[in-house]
Amino acid sequence: MTNKIKPILTKELVRRFLAEHNLMAVATFGSFPWIASVYYTFDRDLNIYFLSDPATLHAKQILQNSQVAVAIAASRQDINKPKRGLQLSGVAKQIHGLAKVKHALRLWKRNLDVVDPQLTVKVVKCSMFKITPKKIKLFDQKLFPIPDGQEPVLEM
C-alpha cells in the first residue's frame, strides 16, 4: 500500500497566486445569482478588496446577502498545459470608516498601479468592499499534480 502525502495549501502560496493576477469574478446571490468581474487587491491576511459602485447589481446583492464566491484564473491559459486557478468562498462587506477606506484604497491603487488622482477617499467612500475568505482552493497542476477535485483547501 502506497502512503500518499496530502498536499498542503499555505497562505504564502495563495498570496503568490493573488499577486500574479488582478481581475476576479465575484458571484453574489440576492433574488437570483449574479456574477461580476472586478479588479482586486489583497492584504497579508488574504482579505480581498475591490471597488464597485453601490448601485451595481453585485454590490446591492452583497448588501442583501454577504456570502460570495470568487474565481480567479488567467483567461489565456493553454488548455493543453497544467491548469492554475483559485476559488474561494467568503463574506463580503461594504467598508465603512475613514481609516479602513483609506487603507483599502491605498492597497488597491498601489497594487493595481492606479494613478488617477480623481480616485480619492471622498469619491470612493461608499464603494470599497472587503471579502473575508472562509475557504480557499488553489488548483495548480504543476504544484499539486493530483486528480481534479482533490486540490487542497485552506480553511480560514
C-alpha atoms as a PDB file:
ATOM      1  CA  MET A   1       0.000   0.000   0.000  1.00  0.00           C
ATOM      2  CA  THR A   2       1.417   3.374  -1.044  1.00  0.00           C
ATOM      3  CA  ASN A   3       1.265   6.105   1.546  1.00  0.00           C
ATOM      4  CA  LYS A   4       0.284   9.272  -0.318  1.00  0.00           C
ATOM      5  CA  ILE A   5       1.120  12.611   1.229  1.00  0.00           C
ATOM      6  CA  LYS A   6      -1.788  15.030   1.125  1.00  0.00           C
ATOM      7  CA  PRO A   7      -0.731  18.373  -0.404  1.00  0.00           C
ATOM      8  CA  ILE A   8      -0.874  21.349   1.932  1.00  0.00           C
ATOM      9  CA  LEU A   9      -2.058  24.777   0.841  1.00  0.00           C
ATOM     10  CA  THR A  10      -0.410  27.650   2.722  1.00  0.00           C
ATOM     11  CA  LYS A  11      -1.245  31.344   2.958  1.00  0.00           C
ATOM     12  CA  GLU A  12       2.057  32.130   1.224  1.00  0.00           C
ATOM     13  CA  LEU A  13       1.117  30.022  -1.826  1.00  0.00           C
ATOM     14  CA  VAL A  14      -2.231  31.831  -2.003  1.00  0.00           C
ATOM     15  CA  ARG A  15      -0.524  35.244  -1.655  1.00  0.00           C
ATOM     16  CA  ARG A  16       1.809  34.415  -4.542  1.00  0.00           C
ATOM     17  CA  PHE A  17      -1.083  33.402  -6.760  1.00  0.00           C
ATOM     18  CA  LEU A  18      -3.120  36.509  -5.861  1.00  0.00           C
ATOM     19  CA  ALA A  19      -0.121  38.741  -6.639  1.00  0.00           C
ATOM     20  CA  GLU A  20       0.091  37.318 -10.180  1.00  0.00           C
ATOM     21  CA  HIS A  21      -3.461  38.408 -11.077  1.00  0.00           C
ATOM     22  CA  ASN A  22      -5.698  41.440 -10.654  1.00  0.00           C
ATOM     23  CA  LEU A  23      -9.136  40.528 -12.030  1.00  0.00           C
ATOM     24  CA  MET A  24     -11.624  38.224 -10.338  1.00  0.00           C
ATOM     25  CA  ALA A  25     -15.164  37.040 -10.863  1.00  0.00           C
ATOM     26  CA  VAL A  26     -17.313  37.523  -7.775  1.00  0.00           C
ATOM     27  CA  ALA A  27     -20.595  35.627  -7.532  1.00  0.00           C
ATOM     28  CA  THR A  28     -23.418  37.009  -5.416  1.00  0.00           C
ATOM     29  CA  PHE A  29     -26.974  35.995  -4.647  1.00  0.00           C
ATOM     30  CA  GLY A  30     -29.993  38.188  -3.949  1.00  0.00           C
ATOM     31  CA  SER A  31     -33.287  37.137  -5.534  1.00  0.00           C
ATOM     32  CA  PHE A  32     -31.201  35.306  -8.165  1.00  0.00           C
ATOM     33  CA  PRO A  33     -27.494  34.522  -8.716  1.00  0.00           C
ATOM     34  CA  TRP A  34     -25.217  37.075 -10.378  1.00  0.00           C
ATOM     35  CA  ILE A  35     -21.545  37.293 -11.280  1.00  0.00           C
ATOM     36  CA  ALA A  36     -19.335  40.299 -11.957  1.00  0.00           C
ATOM     37  CA  SER A  37     -15.705  40.837 -12.918  1.00  0.00           C
ATOM     38  CA  VAL A  38     -13.851  43.309 -10.696  1.00  0.00           C
ATOM     39  CA  TYR A  39     -10.264  44.386 -10.144  1.00  0.00           C
ATOM     40  CA  TYR A  40      -8.987  43.385  -6.739  1.00  0.00           C
ATOM     41  CA  THR A  41      -6.153  43.682  -4.286  1.00  0.00           C
ATOM     42  CA  PHE A  42      -5.425  41.782  -1.075  1.00  0.00           C
ATOM     43  CA  ASP A  43      -3.705  42.074   2.278  1.00  0.00           C
ATOM     44  CA  ARG A  44      -1.401  39.765   4.280  1.00  0.00           C
ATOM     45  CA  ASP A  45      -4.405  38.019   5.847  1.00  0.00           C
ATOM     46  CA  LEU A  46      -5.771  37.191   2.365  1.00  0.00           C
ATOM     47  CA  ASN A  47      -8.685  39.602   2.665  1.00  0.00           C
ATOM     48  CA  ILE A  48      -9.639  40.781  -0.798  1.00  0.00           C
ATOM     49  CA  TYR A  49     -10.629  44.373  -1.576  1.00  0.00           C
ATOM     50  CA  PHE A  50     -12.439  45.728  -4.594  1.00  0.00           C
ATOM     51  CA  LEU A  51     -14.065  48.936  -5.724  1.00  0.00           C
ATOM     52  CA  SER A  52     -17.651  48.871  -7.018  1.00  0.00           C
ATOM     53  CA  ASP A  53     -20.372  51.457  -7.264  1.00  0.00           C
ATOM     54  CA  PRO A  54     -23.053  50.662  -4.651  1.00  0.00           C
ATOM     55  CA  ALA A  55     -25.650  50.984  -7.456  1.00  0.00           C
ATOM     56  CA  THR A  56     -24.306  47.892  -9.279  1.00  0.00           C
ATOM     57  CA  LEU A  57     -26.304  44.699  -9.019  1.00  0.00           C
ATOM     58  CA  HIS A  58     -23.496  42.742  -7.353  1.00  0.00           C
ATOM     59  CA  ALA A  59     -22.983  45.466  -4.722  1.00  0.00           C
ATOM     60  CA  LYS A  60     -26.717  45.615  -3.979  1.00  0.00           C
ATOM     61  CA  GLN A  61     -26.814  41.843  -3.628  1.00  0.00           C
ATOM     62  CA  ILE A  62     -23.824  41.861  -1.257  1.00  0.00           C
ATOM     63  CA  LEU A  63     -25.765  44.263   0.962  1.00  0.00           C
ATOM     64  CA  GLN A  64     -28.676  41.743   0.961  1.00  0.00           C
ATOM     65  CA  ASN A  65     -26.581  38.584   1.318  1.00  0.00           C
ATOM     66  CA  SER A  66     -22.931  38.868   2.299  1.00  0.00           C
ATOM     67  CA  GLN A  67     -21.961  35.330   1.209  1.00  0.00           C
ATOM     68  CA  VAL A  68     -19.941  35.339  -2.017  1.00  0.00           C
ATOM     69  CA  ALA A  69     -17.837  33.038  -4.160  1.00  0.00           C
ATOM     70  CA  VAL A  70     -14.786  34.130  -6.155  1.00  0.00           C
ATOM     71  CA  ALA A  71     -12.878  32.640  -9.073  1.00  0.00           C
ATOM     72  CA  ILE A  72      -9.512  33.859 -10.357  1.00  0.00           C
ATOM     73  CA  ALA A  73      -7.680  32.392 -13.345  1.00  0.00           C
ATOM     74  CA  ALA A  74      -5.715  33.642 -16.313  1.00  0.00           C
ATOM     75  CA  SER A  75      -8.065  33.591 -19.291  1.00  0.00           C
ATOM     76  CA  ARG A  76      -5.235  32.880 -21.729  1.00  0.00           C
ATOM     77  CA  GLN A  77      -4.236  29.522 -20.214  1.00  0.00           C
ATOM     78  CA  ASP A  78      -3.317  26.873 -22.749  1.00  0.00           C
ATOM     79  CA  ILE A  79      -5.848  24.052 -22.411  1.00  0.00           C
ATOM     80  CA  ASN A  80      -3.070  21.518 -23.106  1.00  0.00           C
ATOM     81  CA  LYS A  81      -0.896  22.698 -20.203  1.00  0.00           C
ATOM     82  CA  PRO A  82      -1.363  22.320 -16.443  1.00  0.00           C
ATOM     83  CA  LYS A  83      -4.310  24.317 -15.073  1.00  0.00           C
ATOM     84  CA  ARG A  84      -3.940  27.087 -12.493  1.00  0.00           C
ATOM     85  CA  GLY A  85      -6.662  28.964 -10.683  1.00  0.00           C
ATOM     86  CA  LEU A  86      -8.129  29.895  -7.347  1.00  0.00           C
ATOM     87  CA  GLN A  87     -11.626  29.592  -5.958  1.00  0.00           C
ATOM     88  CA  LEU A  88     -12.872  30.824  -2.625  1.00  0.00           C
ATOM     89  CA  SER A  89     -15.988  31.379  -0.598  1.00  0.00           C
ATOM     90  CA  GLY A  90     -16.302  34.071   1.980  1.00  0.00           C
ATOM     91  CA  VAL A  91     -18.152  37.024   3.379  1.00  0.00           C
ATOM     92  CA  ALA A  92     -18.210  40.420   1.633  1.00  0.00           C
ATOM     93  CA  LYS A  93     -18.912  43.676   3.412  1.00  0.00           C
ATOM     94  CA  GLN A  94     -19.010  47.284   2.348  1.00  0.00           C
ATOM     95  CA  ILE A  95     -16.171  49.087   4.137  1.00  0.00           C
ATOM     96  CA  HIS A  96     -17.091  51.945   6.477  1.00  0.00           C
ATOM     97  CA  GLY A  97     -14.858  54.287   8.434  1.00  0.00           C
ATOM     98  CA  LEU A  98     -12.317  56.737   7.068  1.00  0.00           C
ATOM     99  CA  ALA A  99      -9.214  54.828   8.219  1.00  0.00           C
ATOM    100  CA  LYS A 100     -10.459  51.497   6.810  1.00  0.00           C
ATOM    101  CA  VAL A 101     -11.454  53.039   3.471  1.00  0.00           C
ATOM    102  CA  LYS A 102      -8.102  54.861   3.216  1.00  0.00           C
ATOM    103  CA  HIS A 103      -6.231  51.620   3.904  1.00  0.00           C
ATOM    104  CA  ALA A 104      -8.235  49.646   1.313  1.00  0.00           C
ATOM    105  CA  LEU A 105      -7.980  52.369  -1.334  1.00  0.00           C
ATOM    106  CA  ARG A 106      -4.233  52.765  -0.768  1.00  0.00           C
ATOM    107  CA  LEU A 107      -3.738  48.991  -1.224  1.00  0.00           C
ATOM    108  CA  TRP A 108      -5.996  48.921  -4.282  1.00  0.00           C
ATOM    109  CA  LYS A 109      -4.269  51.858  -6.006  1.00  0.00           C
ATOM    110  CA  ARG A 110      -0.753  50.640  -5.173  1.00  0.00           C
ATOM    111  CA  ASN A 111      -1.213  47.007  -6.152  1.00  0.00           C
ATOM    112  CA  LEU A 112      -3.057  47.834  -9.371  1.00  0.00           C
ATOM    113  CA  ASP A 113      -0.774  50.778 -10.314  1.00  0.00           C
ATOM    114  CA  VAL A 114      -3.745  53.174 -10.381  1.00  0.00           C
ATOM    115  CA  VAL A 115      -2.554  56.750 -10.757  1.00  0.00           C
ATOM    116  CA  ASP A 116      -5.899  58.510 -11.243  1.00  0.00           C
ATOM    117  CA  PRO A 117      -5.876  61.487  -8.826  1.00  0.00           C
ATOM    118  CA  GLN A 118      -9.689  61.598  -9.048  1.00  0.00           C
ATOM    119  CA  LEU A 119      -9.929  58.351  -7.080  1.00  0.00           C
ATOM    120  CA  THR A 120      -9.856  59.751  -3.574  1.00  0.00           C
ATOM    121  CA  VAL A 121     -11.359  58.575  -0.303  1.00  0.00           C
ATOM    122  CA  LYS A 122     -14.100  61.185  -0.708  1.00  0.00           C
ATOM    123  CA  VAL A 123     -15.071  59.771  -4.111  1.00  0.00           C
ATOM    124  CA  VAL A 124     -14.938  56.074  -3.195  1.00  0.00           C
ATOM    125  CA  LYS A 125     -16.020  56.182   0.460  1.00  0.00           C
ATOM    126  CA  CYS A 126     -19.111  54.013  -0.115  1.00  0.00           C
ATOM    127  CA  SER A 127     -17.634  51.917  -2.899  1.00  0.00           C
ATOM    128  CA  MET A 128     -14.931  49.835  -1.236  1.00  0.00           C
ATOM    129  CA  PHE A 129     -15.741  46.236  -0.366  1.00  0.00           C
ATOM    130  CA  LYS A 130     -13.803  43.626   1.586  1.00  0.00           C
ATOM    131  CA  ILE A 131     -14.106  39.868   1.219  1.00  0.00           C
ATOM    132  CA  THR A 132     -13.018  37.816   4.200  1.00  0.00           C
ATOM    133  CA  PRO A 133     -12.309  34.318   2.864  1.00  0.00           C
ATOM    134  CA  LYS A 134     -13.602  31.253   4.684  1.00  0.00           C
ATOM    135  CA  LYS A 135     -12.402  28.527   2.273  1.00  0.00           C
ATOM    136  CA  ILE A 136      -9.763  28.836  -0.437  1.00  0.00           C
ATOM    137  CA  LYS A 137      -8.943  26.233  -3.062  1.00  0.00           C
ATOM    138  CA  LEU A 138      -5.886  26.586  -5.273  1.00  0.00           C
ATOM    139  CA  PHE A 139      -5.702  24.353  -8.287  1.00  0.00           C
ATOM    140  CA  ASP A 140      -2.192  24.295  -9.673  1.00  0.00           C
ATOM    141  CA  GLN A 141      -1.443  21.101 -11.550  1.00  0.00           C
ATOM    142  CA  LYS A 142       2.311  21.799 -11.587  1.00  0.00           C
ATOM    143  CA  LEU A 143       2.492  22.446  -7.856  1.00  0.00           C
ATOM    144  CA  PHE A 144      -0.091  19.808  -6.913  1.00  0.00           C
ATOM    145  CA  PRO A 145      -0.057  17.019  -9.548  1.00  0.00           C
ATOM    146  CA  ILE A 146      -3.245  15.387  -8.242  1.00  0.00           C
ATOM    147  CA  PRO A 147      -6.609  14.486  -9.782  1.00  0.00           C
ATOM    148  CA  ASP A 148      -9.269  17.170 -10.244  1.00  0.00           C
ATOM    149  CA  GLY A 149     -11.410  17.580  -7.163  1.00  0.00           C
ATOM    150  CA  GLN A 150      -8.627  16.615  -4.773  1.00  0.00           C
ATOM    151  CA  GLU A 151      -6.943  20.029  -4.652  1.00  0.00           C
ATOM    152  CA  PRO A 152      -6.011  21.265  -1.179  1.00  0.00           C
ATOM    153  CA  VAL A 153      -8.390  23.648   0.592  1.00  0.00           C
ATOM    154  CA  LEU A 154      -7.280  26.270   3.105  1.00  0.00           C
ATOM    155  CA  GLU A 155      -9.879  26.783   5.834  1.00  0.00           C
ATOM    156  CA  MET A 156      -9.748  30.226   7.385  1.00  0.00           C
END
